[in-house]
Amino acid sequence: MAAGGGSGVVKHIVLARFKEEVTPERLDQLIQGYAALVDAVPSMKSFHWGTNVSIENTHEGFTHVFESTFESTEGIKEYVKHPAHVEYANEFLSVSEKILIIDYKPTSVN
């Protein structure tokens, strides 16, 4: 059951652990900046985020998850190159201790 191809919805997942010195106010600014990319990048259709609430100790130190939805894999390519994303990513990475990024195409099992 392989998912592939360029068309169809793609989810962009970012797991992050931020540096200890990052304040809650700074995190709020980062989250607002991430959310603003939906209006700046045409192929980005939605954005959600949250903090780890798992009772299982398998999070490997990641504390935050960010999920963006794109119209296609081509949309992800546009996003990665978009000047608003490039500027934001530099800011995000400068305060991140560790990140993991996965893009996937949701597949239903019937």
PDB file of N, CA and C in Angstrom:
ATOM      1  N   MET A   1       0.835  -1.189   0.000  1.00  0.00           N
ATOM      2  CA  MET A   1       0.000   0.000   0.000  1.00  0.00           C
ATOM      3  C   MET A   1       0.875   1.246   0.000  1.00  0.00           C
ATOM      4  N   ALA A   2       1.319   1.667  -1.135  1.00  0.00           N
ATOM      5  CA  ALA A   2       2.222   2.813  -1.213  1.00  0.00           C
ATOM      6  C   ALA A   2       1.444   4.081  -1.524  1.00  0.00           C
ATOM      7  N   ALA A   3       1.843   5.159  -0.838  1.00  0.00           N
ATOM      8  CA  ALA A   3       1.276   6.478  -1.134  1.00  0.00           C
ATOM      9  C   ALA A   3       2.337   7.255  -1.874  1.00  0.00           C
ATOM     10  N   GLY A   4       1.983   7.900  -2.947  1.00  0.00           N
ATOM     11  CA  GLY A   4       2.981   8.643  -3.698  1.00  0.00           C
ATOM     12  C   GLY A   4       2.328   9.579  -4.680  1.00  0.00           C
ATOM     13  N   GLY A   5       3.131  10.058  -5.610  1.00  0.00           N
ATOM     14  CA  GLY A   5       2.621  10.983  -6.609  1.00  0.00           C
ATOM     15  C   GLY A   5       2.634  12.405  -6.098  1.00  0.00           C
ATOM     16  N   GLY A   6       2.448  13.350  -7.005  1.00  0.00           N
ATOM     17  CA  GLY A   6       2.545  14.752  -6.658  1.00  0.00           C
ATOM     18  C   GLY A   6       1.235  15.408  -6.285  1.00  0.00           C
ATOM     19  N   SER A   7       0.111  14.856  -6.734  1.00  0.00           N
ATOM     20  CA  SER A   7      -1.158  15.529  -6.462  1.00  0.00           C
ATOM     21  C   SER A   7      -1.795  14.976  -5.194  1.00  0.00           C
ATOM     22  N   GLY A   8      -2.726  15.721  -4.660  1.00  0.00           N
ATOM     23  CA  GLY A   8      -3.418  15.314  -3.447  1.00  0.00           C
ATOM     24  C   GLY A   8      -2.827  15.950  -2.209  1.00  0.00           C
ATOM     25  N   VAL A   9      -3.611  16.007  -1.178  1.00  0.00           N
ATOM     26  CA  VAL A   9      -3.239  16.673   0.074  1.00  0.00           C
ATOM     27  C   VAL A   9      -1.963  16.067   0.668  1.00  0.00           C
ATOM     28  N   VAL A  10      -1.112  16.939   1.197  1.00  0.00           N
ATOM     29  CA  VAL A  10       0.106  16.523   1.876  1.00  0.00           C
ATOM     30  C   VAL A  10       0.155  17.206   3.242  1.00  0.00           C
ATOM     31  N   LYS A  11       0.473  16.431   4.267  1.00  0.00           N
ATOM     32  CA  LYS A  11       0.652  16.959   5.625  1.00  0.00           C
ATOM     33  C   LYS A  11       2.147  17.147   5.875  1.00  0.00           C
ATOM     34  N   HIS A  12       2.486  18.281   6.464  1.00  0.00           N
ATOM     35  CA  HIS A  12       3.867  18.634   6.795  1.00  0.00           C
ATOM     36  C   HIS A  12       3.924  18.697   8.316  1.00  0.00           C
ATOM     37  N   ILE A  13       4.651  17.764   8.917  1.00  0.00           N
ATOM     38  CA  ILE A  13       4.716  17.650  10.369  1.00  0.00           C
ATOM     39  C   ILE A  13       6.104  18.068  10.845  1.00  0.00           C
ATOM     40  N   VAL A  14       6.144  18.968  11.820  1.00  0.00           N
ATOM     41  CA  VAL A  14       7.396  19.397  12.434  1.00  0.00           C
ATOM     42  C   VAL A  14       7.308  19.098  13.926  1.00  0.00           C
ATOM     43  N   LEU A  15       8.237  18.291  14.422  1.00  0.00           N
ATOM     44  CA  LEU A  15       8.383  18.069  15.856  1.00  0.00           C
ATOM     45  C   LEU A  15       9.550  18.926  16.309  1.00  0.00           C
ATOM     46  N   ALA A  16       9.402  19.610  17.443  1.00  0.00           N
ATOM     47  CA  ALA A  16      10.459  20.526  17.891  1.00  0.00           C
ATOM     48  C   ALA A  16      10.668  20.459  19.391  1.00  0.00           C
ATOM     49  N   ARG A  17      11.913  20.676  19.756  1.00  0.00           N
ATOM     50  CA  ARG A  17      12.279  20.958  21.143  1.00  0.00           C
ATOM     51  C   ARG A  17      13.054  22.268  21.077  1.00  0.00           C
ATOM     52  N   PHE A  18      12.616  23.229  21.873  1.00  0.00           N
ATOM     53  CA  PHE A  18      13.227  24.541  21.842  1.00  0.00           C
ATOM     54  C   PHE A  18      14.319  24.672  22.903  1.00  0.00           C
ATOM     55  N   LYS A  19      15.238  25.590  22.658  1.00  0.00           N
ATOM     56  CA  LYS A  19      16.317  25.847  23.607  1.00  0.00           C
ATOM     57  C   LYS A  19      15.726  26.320  24.931  1.00  0.00           C
ATOM     58  N   GLU A  20      16.389  25.978  26.031  1.00  0.00           N
ATOM     59  CA  GLU A  20      15.879  26.297  27.367  1.00  0.00           C
ATOM     60  C   GLU A  20      15.628  27.780  27.582  1.00  0.00           C
ATOM     61  N   GLU A  21      16.430  28.626  26.960  1.00  0.00           N
ATOM     62  CA  GLU A  21      16.296  30.067  27.192  1.00  0.00           C
ATOM     63  C   GLU A  21      15.116  30.715  26.459  1.00  0.00           C
ATOM     64  N   VAL A  22      14.418  29.937  25.645  1.00  0.00           N
ATOM     65  CA  VAL A  22      13.270  30.486  24.910  1.00  0.00           C
ATOM     66  C   VAL A  22      12.108  30.675  25.881  1.00  0.00           C
ATOM     67  N   THR A  23      11.640  31.906  25.986  1.00  0.00           N
ATOM     68  CA  THR A  23      10.566  32.242  26.925  1.00  0.00           C
ATOM     69  C   THR A  23       9.204  31.859  26.352  1.00  0.00           C
ATOM     70  N   PRO A  24       8.200  31.721  27.203  1.00  0.00           N
ATOM     71  CA  PRO A  24       6.844  31.460  26.705  1.00  0.00           C
ATOM     72  C   PRO A  24       6.364  32.559  25.748  1.00  0.00           C
ATOM     73  N   GLU A  25       6.746  33.794  26.008  1.00  0.00           N
ATOM     74  CA  GLU A  25       6.354  34.903  25.127  1.00  0.00           C
ATOM     75  C   GLU A  25       6.989  34.740  23.744  1.00  0.00           C
ATOM     76  N   ARG A  26       8.234  34.326  23.725  1.00  0.00           N
ATOM     77  CA  ARG A  26       8.928  34.109  22.454  1.00  0.00           C
ATOM     78  C   ARG A  26       8.288  32.942  21.703  1.00  0.00           C
ATOM     79  N   LEU A  27       7.921  31.888  22.421  1.00  0.00           N
ATOM     80  CA  LEU A  27       7.228  30.769  21.781  1.00  0.00           C
ATOM     81  C   LEU A  27       5.902  31.219  21.178  1.00  0.00           C
ATOM     82  N   ASP A  28       5.167  32.056  21.898  1.00  0.00           N
ATOM     83  CA  ASP A  28       3.906  32.578  21.364  1.00  0.00           C
ATOM     84  C   ASP A  28       4.144  33.340  20.060  1.00  0.00           C
ATOM     85  N   GLN A  29       5.210  34.147  20.023  1.00  0.00           N
ATOM     86  CA  GLN A  29       5.548  34.894  18.800  1.00  0.00           C
ATOM     87  C   GLN A  29       5.864  33.935  17.652  1.00  0.00           C
ATOM     88  N   LEU A  30       6.623  32.885  17.950  1.00  0.00           N
ATOM     89  CA  LEU A  30       6.964  31.908  16.920  1.00  0.00           C
ATOM     90  C   LEU A  30       5.722  31.210  16.371  1.00  0.00           C
ATOM     91  N   ILE A  31       4.822  30.839  17.254  1.00  0.00           N
ATOM     92  CA  ILE A  31       3.600  30.156  16.830  1.00  0.00           C
ATOM     93  C   ILE A  31       2.742  31.083  15.976  1.00  0.00           C
ATOM     94  N   GLN A  32       2.619  32.345  16.379  1.00  0.00           N
ATOM     95  CA  GLN A  32       1.862  33.310  15.576  1.00  0.00           C
ATOM     96  C   GLN A  32       2.503  33.505  14.207  1.00  0.00           C
ATOM     97  N   GLY A  33       3.839  33.535  14.188  1.00  0.00           N
ATOM     98  CA  GLY A  33       4.549  33.670  12.921  1.00  0.00           C
ATOM     99  C   GLY A  33       4.325  32.479  12.005  1.00  0.00           C
ATOM    100  N   TYR A  34       4.312  31.295  12.589  1.00  0.00           N
ATOM    101  CA  TYR A  34       4.060  30.078  11.808  1.00  0.00           C
ATOM    102  C   TYR A  34       2.646  30.128  11.234  1.00  0.00           C
ATOM    103  N   ALA A  35       1.679  30.471  12.070  1.00  0.00           N
ATOM    104  CA  ALA A  35       0.283  30.548  11.625  1.00  0.00           C
ATOM    105  C   ALA A  35       0.105  31.574  10.507  1.00  0.00           C
ATOM    106  N   ALA A  36       0.877  32.656  10.548  1.00  0.00           N
ATOM    107  CA  ALA A  36       0.772  33.712   9.531  1.00  0.00           C
ATOM    108  C   ALA A  36       1.217  33.226   8.153  1.00  0.00           C
ATOM    109  N   LEU A  37       1.986  32.150   8.105  1.00  0.00           N
ATOM    110  CA  LEU A  37       2.427  31.633   6.813  1.00  0.00           C
ATOM    111  C   LEU A  37       1.254  31.138   5.965  1.00  0.00           C
ATOM    112  N   VAL A  38       0.150  30.765   6.600  1.00  0.00           N
ATOM    113  CA  VAL A  38      -1.036  30.324   5.843  1.00  0.00           C
ATOM    114  C   VAL A  38      -1.506  31.438   4.905  1.00  0.00           C
ATOM    115  N   ASP A  39      -1.433  32.684   5.370  1.00  0.00           N
ATOM    116  CA  ASP A  39      -1.848  33.813   4.527  1.00  0.00           C
ATOM    117  C   ASP A  39      -0.766  34.240   3.537  1.00  0.00           C
ATOM    118  N   ALA A  40       0.480  33.908   3.837  1.00  0.00           N
ATOM    119  CA  ALA A  40       1.595  34.344   2.994  1.00  0.00           C
ATOM    120  C   ALA A  40       1.937  33.363   1.874  1.00  0.00           C
ATOM    121  N   VAL A  41       1.694  32.077   2.099  1.00  0.00           N
ATOM    122  CA  VAL A  41       2.080  31.041   1.143  1.00  0.00           C
ATOM    123  C   VAL A  41       0.818  30.412   0.559  1.00  0.00           C
ATOM    124  N   PRO A  42       0.520  30.688  -0.723  1.00  0.00           N
ATOM    125  CA  PRO A  42      -0.744  30.217  -1.309  1.00  0.00           C
ATOM    126  C   PRO A  42      -0.999  28.719  -1.211  1.00  0.00           C
ATOM    127  N   SER A  43       0.030  27.891  -1.299  1.00  0.00           N
ATOM    128  CA  SER A  43      -0.189  26.439  -1.277  1.00  0.00           C
ATOM    129  C   SER A  43      -0.404  25.878   0.127  1.00  0.00           C
ATOM    130  N   MET A  44      -0.167  26.690   1.165  1.00  0.00           N
ATOM    131  CA  MET A  44      -0.373  26.259   2.551  1.00  0.00           C
ATOM    132  C   MET A  44      -1.830  26.504   2.911  1.00  0.00           C
ATOM    133  N   LYS A  45      -2.554  25.430   3.176  1.00  0.00           N
ATOM    134  CA  LYS A  45      -4.003  25.533   3.371  1.00  0.00           C
ATOM    135  C   LYS A  45      -4.442  25.633   4.831  1.00  0.00           C
ATOM    136  N   SER A  46      -3.673  25.053   5.760  1.00  0.00           N
ATOM    137  CA  SER A  46      -4.048  25.147   7.166  1.00  0.00           C
ATOM    138  C   SER A  46      -2.836  24.891   8.054  1.00  0.00           C
ATOM    139  N   PHE A  47      -2.995  25.239   9.327  1.00  0.00           N
ATOM    140  CA  PHE A  47      -1.929  25.093  10.309  1.00  0.00           C
ATOM    141  C   PHE A  47      -2.548  24.768  11.663  1.00  0.00           C
ATOM    142  N   HIS A  48      -1.981  23.774  12.334  1.00  0.00           N
ATOM    143  CA  HIS A  48      -2.376  23.419  13.696  1.00  0.00           C
ATOM    144  C   HIS A  48      -1.113  23.151  14.489  1.00  0.00           C
ATOM    145  N   TRP A  49      -1.207  23.303  15.793  1.00  0.00           N
ATOM    146  CA  TRP A  49      -0.051  23.017  16.634  1.00  0.00           C
ATOM    147  C   TRP A  49      -0.518  22.530  17.995  1.00  0.00           C
ATOM    148  N   GLY A  50       0.399  21.968  18.750  1.00  0.00           N
ATOM    149  CA  GLY A  50       0.096  21.538  20.105  1.00  0.00           C
ATOM    150  C   GLY A  50       1.375  21.155  20.826  1.00  0.00           C
ATOM    151  N   THR A  51       1.215  20.827  22.094  1.00  0.00           N
ATOM    152  CA  THR A  51       2.345  20.363  22.895  1.00  0.00           C
ATOM    153  C   THR A  51       2.148  18.889  23.225  1.00  0.00           C
ATOM    154  N   ASN A  52       3.231  18.224  23.513  1.00  0.00           N
ATOM    155  CA  ASN A  52       3.196  16.800  23.816  1.00  0.00           C
ATOM    156  C   ASN A  52       2.372  16.545  25.081  1.00  0.00           C
ATOM    157  N   VAL A  53       1.403  15.664  24.981  1.00  0.00           N
ATOM    158  CA  VAL A  53       0.593  15.267  26.137  1.00  0.00           C
ATOM    159  C   VAL A  53       0.596  13.747  26.320  1.00  0.00           C
ATOM    160  N   SER A  54       1.502  13.077  25.626  1.00  0.00           N
ATOM    161  CA  SER A  54       1.554  11.612  25.678  1.00  0.00           C
ATOM    162  C   SER A  54       1.990  11.117  27.052  1.00  0.00           C
ATOM    163  N   ILE A  55       1.367  10.042  27.496  1.00  0.00           N
ATOM    164  CA  ILE A  55       1.782   9.420  28.751  1.00  0.00           C
ATOM    165  C   ILE A  55       2.891   8.393  28.508  1.00  0.00           C
ATOM    166  N   GLU A  56       3.150   8.102  27.239  1.00  0.00           N
ATOM    167  CA  GLU A  56       4.231   7.185  26.894  1.00  0.00           C
ATOM    168  C   GLU A  56       5.538   7.975  26.831  1.00  0.00           C
ATOM    169  N   ASN A  57       6.585   7.410  27.298  1.00  0.00           N
ATOM    170  CA  ASN A  57       7.864   8.113  27.332  1.00  0.00           C
ATOM    171  C   ASN A  57       8.672   7.824  26.066  1.00  0.00           C
ATOM    172  N   THR A  58       8.085   8.118  24.907  1.00  0.00           N
ATOM    173  CA  THR A  58       8.759   7.860  23.638  1.00  0.00           C
ATOM    174  C   THR A  58       8.946   9.129  22.812  1.00  0.00           C
ATOM    175  N   HIS A  59       8.784  10.277  23.418  1.00  0.00           N
ATOM    176  CA  HIS A  59       8.819  11.549  22.695  1.00  0.00           C
ATOM    177  C   HIS A  59      10.222  12.027  22.347  1.00  0.00           C
ATOM    178  N   GLU A  60      11.252  11.377  22.886  1.00  0.00           N
ATOM    179  CA  GLU A  60      12.649  11.710  22.614  1.00  0.00           C
ATOM    180  C   GLU A  60      12.954  13.193  22.828  1.00  0.00           C
ATOM    181  N   GLY A  61      12.247  13.811  23.770  1.00  0.00           N
ATOM    182  CA  GLY A  61      12.512  15.197  24.118  1.00  0.00           C
ATOM    183  C   GLY A  61      11.741  16.224  23.317  1.00  0.00           C
ATOM    184  N   PHE A  62      11.022  15.797  22.283  1.00  0.00           N
ATOM    185  CA  PHE A  62      10.234  16.752  21.502  1.00  0.00           C
ATOM    186  C   PHE A  62       9.069  17.240  22.351  1.00  0.00           C
ATOM    187  N   THR A  63       8.835  18.531  22.337  1.00  0.00           N
ATOM    188  CA  THR A  63       7.803  19.130  23.174  1.00  0.00           C
ATOM    189  C   THR A  63       6.638  19.724  22.385  1.00  0.00           C
ATOM    190  N   HIS A  64       6.871  20.086  21.126  1.00  0.00           N
ATOM    191  CA  HIS A  64       5.856  20.746  20.316  1.00  0.00           C
ATOM    192  C   HIS A  64       5.698  20.026  18.974  1.00  0.00           C
ATOM    193  N   VAL A  65       4.467  20.052  18.458  1.00  0.00           N
ATOM    194  CA  VAL A  65       4.198  19.520  17.123  1.00  0.00           C
ATOM    195  C   VAL A  65       3.454  20.584  16.323  1.00  0.00           C
ATOM    196  N   PHE A  66       3.857  20.724  15.065  1.00  0.00           N
ATOM    197  CA  PHE A  66       3.251  21.686  14.150  1.00  0.00           C
ATOM    198  C   PHE A  66       2.833  20.918  12.903  1.00  0.00           C
ATOM    199  N   GLU A  67       1.581  21.103  12.490  1.00  0.00           N
ATOM    200  CA  GLU A  67       1.054  20.401  11.323  1.00  0.00           C
ATOM    201  C   GLU A  67       0.508  21.413  10.329  1.00  0.00           C
ATOM    202  N   SER A  68       1.017  21.346   9.124  1.00  0.00           N
ATOM    203  CA  SER A  68       0.521  22.192   8.040  1.00  0.00           C
ATOM    204  C   SER A  68      -0.030  21.292   6.948  1.00  0.00           C
ATOM    205  N   THR A  69      -1.047  21.780   6.260  1.00  0.00           N
ATOM    206  CA  THR A  69      -1.653  21.038   5.161  1.00  0.00           C
ATOM    207  C   THR A  69      -1.394  21.784   3.865  1.00  0.00           C
ATOM    208  N   PHE A  70      -0.976  21.031   2.859  1.00  0.00           N
ATOM    209  CA  PHE A  70      -0.686  21.593   1.536  1.00  0.00           C
ATOM    210  C   PHE A  70      -1.514  20.884   0.489  1.00  0.00           C
ATOM    211  N   GLU A  71      -1.678  21.536  -0.652  1.00  0.00           N
ATOM    212  CA  GLU A  71      -2.515  20.985  -1.708  1.00  0.00           C
ATOM    213  C   GLU A  71      -1.838  19.856  -2.478  1.00  0.00           C
ATOM    214  N   SER A  72      -0.489  19.774  -2.393  1.00  0.00           N
ATOM    215  CA  SER A  72       0.244  18.751  -3.151  1.00  0.00           C
ATOM    216  C   SER A  72       1.708  18.760  -2.725  1.00  0.00           C
ATOM    217  N   THR A  73       2.463  17.783  -3.244  1.00  0.00           N
ATOM    218  CA  THR A  73       3.911  17.804  -2.992  1.00  0.00           C
ATOM    219  C   THR A  73       4.540  19.007  -3.682  1.00  0.00           C
ATOM    220  N   GLU A  74       3.985  19.419  -4.802  1.00  0.00           N
ATOM    221  CA  GLU A  74       4.471  20.638  -5.461  1.00  0.00           C
ATOM    222  C   GLU A  74       4.254  21.851  -4.554  1.00  0.00           C
ATOM    223  N   GLY A  75       3.143  21.842  -3.825  1.00  0.00           N
ATOM    224  CA  GLY A  75       2.865  22.923  -2.878  1.00  0.00           C
ATOM    225  C   GLY A  75       3.908  23.002  -1.779  1.00  0.00           C
ATOM    226  N   ILE A  76       4.392  21.834  -1.329  1.00  0.00           N
ATOM    227  CA  ILE A  76       5.468  21.804  -0.326  1.00  0.00           C
ATOM    228  C   ILE A  76       6.730  22.429  -0.913  1.00  0.00           C
ATOM    229  N   LYS A  77       7.038  22.104  -2.172  1.00  0.00           N
ATOM    230  CA  LYS A  77       8.223  22.678  -2.825  1.00  0.00           C
ATOM    231  C   LYS A  77       8.110  24.199  -2.886  1.00  0.00           C
ATOM    232  N   GLU A  78       6.921  24.705  -3.236  1.00  0.00           N
ATOM    233  CA  GLU A  78       6.700  26.157  -3.281  1.00  0.00           C
ATOM    234  C   GLU A  78       6.899  26.772  -1.896  1.00  0.00           C
ATOM    235  N   TYR A  79       6.371  26.115  -0.884  1.00  0.00           N
ATOM    236  CA  TYR A  79       6.483  26.571   0.504  1.00  0.00           C
ATOM    237  C   TYR A  79       7.938  26.664   0.952  1.00  0.00           C
ATOM    238  N   VAL A  80       8.710  25.618   0.684  1.00  0.00           N
ATOM    239  CA  VAL A  80      10.101  25.577   1.127  1.00  0.00           C
ATOM    240  C   VAL A  80      10.904  26.741   0.536  1.00  0.00           C
ATOM    241  N   LYS A  81      10.609  27.117  -0.713  1.00  0.00           N
ATOM    242  CA  LYS A  81      11.339  28.198  -1.391  1.00  0.00           C
ATOM    243  C   LYS A  81      10.752  29.587  -1.142  1.00  0.00           C
ATOM    244  N   HIS A  82       9.534  29.653  -0.635  1.00  0.00           N
ATOM    245  CA  HIS A  82       8.852  30.938  -0.485  1.00  0.00           C
ATOM    246  C   HIS A  82       9.634  31.844   0.474  1.00  0.00           C
ATOM    247  N   PRO A  83       9.854  33.113   0.106  1.00  0.00           N
ATOM    248  CA  PRO A  83      10.633  34.025   0.956  1.00  0.00           C
ATOM    249  C   PRO A  83      10.102  34.156   2.386  1.00  0.00           C
ATOM    250  N   ALA A  84       8.792  34.120   2.564  1.00  0.00           N
ATOM    251  CA  ALA A  84       8.224  34.227   3.922  1.00  0.00           C
ATOM    252  C   ALA A  84       8.609  33.009   4.752  1.00  0.00           C
ATOM    253  N   HIS A  85       8.598  31.834   4.128  1.00  0.00           N
ATOM    254  CA  HIS A  85       8.999  30.615   4.841  1.00  0.00           C
ATOM    255  C   HIS A  85      10.492  30.625   5.144  1.00  0.00           C
ATOM    256  N   VAL A  86      11.303  31.016   4.174  1.00  0.00           N
ATOM    257  CA  VAL A  86      12.757  31.052   4.374  1.00  0.00           C
ATOM    258  C   VAL A  86      13.102  31.950   5.560  1.00  0.00           C
ATOM    259  N   GLU A  87      12.501  33.125   5.600  1.00  0.00           N
ATOM    260  CA  GLU A  87      12.745  34.056   6.709  1.00  0.00           C
ATOM    261  C   GLU A  87      12.283  33.460   8.039  1.00  0.00           C
ATOM    262  N   TYR A  88      11.086  32.893   8.041  1.00  0.00           N
ATOM    263  CA  TYR A  88      10.554  32.307   9.269  1.00  0.00           C
ATOM    264  C   TYR A  88      11.395  31.103   9.713  1.00  0.00           C
ATOM    265  N   ALA A  89      11.766  30.236   8.784  1.00  0.00           N
ATOM    266  CA  ALA A  89      12.537  29.037   9.119  1.00  0.00           C
ATOM    267  C   ALA A  89      13.865  29.398   9.773  1.00  0.00           C
ATOM    268  N   ASN A  90      14.519  30.438   9.289  1.00  0.00           N
ATOM    269  CA  ASN A  90      15.772  30.874   9.904  1.00  0.00           C
ATOM    270  C   ASN A  90      15.554  31.284  11.355  1.00  0.00           C
ATOM    271  N   GLU A  91      14.465  31.977  11.608  1.00  0.00           N
ATOM    272  CA  GLU A  91      14.118  32.401  12.972  1.00  0.00           C
ATOM    273  C   GLU A  91      13.796  31.178  13.846  1.00  0.00           C
ATOM    274  N   PHE A  92      12.975  30.281  13.321  1.00  0.00           N
ATOM    275  CA  PHE A  92      12.557  29.076  14.040  1.00  0.00           C
ATOM    276  C   PHE A  92      13.769  28.207  14.390  1.00  0.00           C
ATOM    277  N   LEU A  93      14.631  27.979  13.415  1.00  0.00           N
ATOM    278  CA  LEU A  93      15.801  27.128  13.630  1.00  0.00           C
ATOM    279  C   LEU A  93      16.772  27.722  14.644  1.00  0.00           C
ATOM    280  N   SER A  94      16.834  29.049  14.713  1.00  0.00           N
ATOM    281  CA  SER A  94      17.779  29.692  15.631  1.00  0.00           C
ATOM    282  C   SER A  94      17.425  29.461  17.098  1.00  0.00           C
ATOM    283  N   VAL A  95      16.178  29.122  17.393  1.00  0.00           N
ATOM    284  CA  VAL A  95      15.756  28.891  18.777  1.00  0.00           C
ATOM    285  C   VAL A  95      15.405  27.423  19.038  1.00  0.00           C
ATOM    286  N   SER A  96      15.607  26.582  18.029  1.00  0.00           N
ATOM    287  CA  SER A  96      15.310  25.157  18.162  1.00  0.00           C
ATOM    288  C   SER A  96      16.549  24.399  18.594  1.00  0.00           C
ATOM    289  N   GLU A  97      16.354  23.490  19.533  1.00  0.00           N
ATOM    290  CA  GLU A  97      17.435  22.600  19.943  1.00  0.00           C
ATOM    291  C   GLU A  97      17.448  21.355  19.071  1.00  0.00           C
ATOM    292  N   LYS A  98      16.248  20.901  18.679  1.00  0.00           N
ATOM    293  CA  LYS A  98      16.126  19.661  17.919  1.00  0.00           C
ATOM    294  C   LYS A  98      14.818  19.716  17.141  1.00  0.00           C
ATOM    295  N   ILE A  99      14.858  19.301  15.865  1.00  0.00           N
ATOM    296  CA  ILE A  99      13.619  19.217  15.081  1.00  0.00           C
ATOM    297  C   ILE A  99      13.626  17.938  14.252  1.00  0.00           C
ATOM    298  N   LEU A 100      12.428  17.533  13.886  1.00  0.00           N
ATOM    299  CA  LEU A 100      12.220  16.414  12.978  1.00  0.00           C
ATOM    300  C   LEU A 100      11.072  16.813  12.060  1.00  0.00           C
ATOM    301  N   ILE A 101      11.272  16.649  10.768  1.00  0.00           N
ATOM    302  CA  ILE A 101      10.248  17.033   9.795  1.00  0.00           C
ATOM    303  C   ILE A 101       9.882  15.827   8.944  1.00  0.00           C
ATOM    304  N   ILE A 102       8.580  15.607   8.810  1.00  0.00           N
ATOM    305  CA  ILE A 102       8.062  14.535   7.955  1.00  0.00           C
ATOM    306  C   ILE A 102       6.909  15.100   7.132  1.00  0.00           C
ATOM    307  N   ASP A 103       6.921  14.787   5.851  1.00  0.00           N
ATOM    308  CA  ASP A 103       5.800  15.102   4.971  1.00  0.00           C
ATOM    309  C   ASP A 103       5.167  13.781   4.563  1.00  0.00           C
ATOM    310  N   TYR A 104       3.843  13.729   4.593  1.00  0.00           N
ATOM    311  CA  TYR A 104       3.164  12.498   4.195  1.00  0.00           C
ATOM    312  C   TYR A 104       1.842  12.794   3.527  1.00  0.00           C
ATOM    313  N   LYS A 105       1.393  11.841   2.729  1.00  0.00           N
ATOM    314  CA  LYS A 105       0.086  11.921   2.084  1.00  0.00           C
ATOM    315  C   LYS A 105      -0.860  11.038   2.870  1.00  0.00           C
ATOM    316  N   PRO A 106      -1.876  11.628   3.509  1.00  0.00           N
ATOM    317  CA  PRO A 106      -2.832  10.816   4.271  1.00  0.00           C
ATOM    318  C   PRO A 106      -3.499   9.775   3.370  1.00  0.00           C
ATOM    319  N   THR A 107      -3.578   8.581   3.889  1.00  0.00           N
ATOM    320  CA  THR A 107      -4.182   7.484   3.161  1.00  0.00           C
ATOM    321  C   THR A 107      -5.217   6.812   4.062  1.00  0.00           C
ATOM    322  N   SER A 108      -6.417   6.648   3.560  1.00  0.00           N
ATOM    323  CA  SER A 108      -7.463   5.963   4.321  1.00  0.00           C
ATOM    324  C   SER A 108      -7.407   4.487   4.036  1.00  0.00           C
ATOM    325  N   VAL A 109      -7.719   3.701   5.046  1.00  0.00           N
ATOM    326  CA  VAL A 109      -7.832   2.255   4.875  1.00  0.00           C
ATOM    327  C   VAL A 109      -9.316   1.923   4.974  1.00  0.00           C
ATOM    328  N   ASN A 110      -9.853   1.383   3.924  1.00  0.00           N
ATOM    329  CA  ASN A 110     -11.294   1.068   3.900  1.00  0.00           C
ATOM    330  C   ASN A 110     -11.542  -0.383   4.162  1.00  0.00           C
TER     331      ASN A 110
END
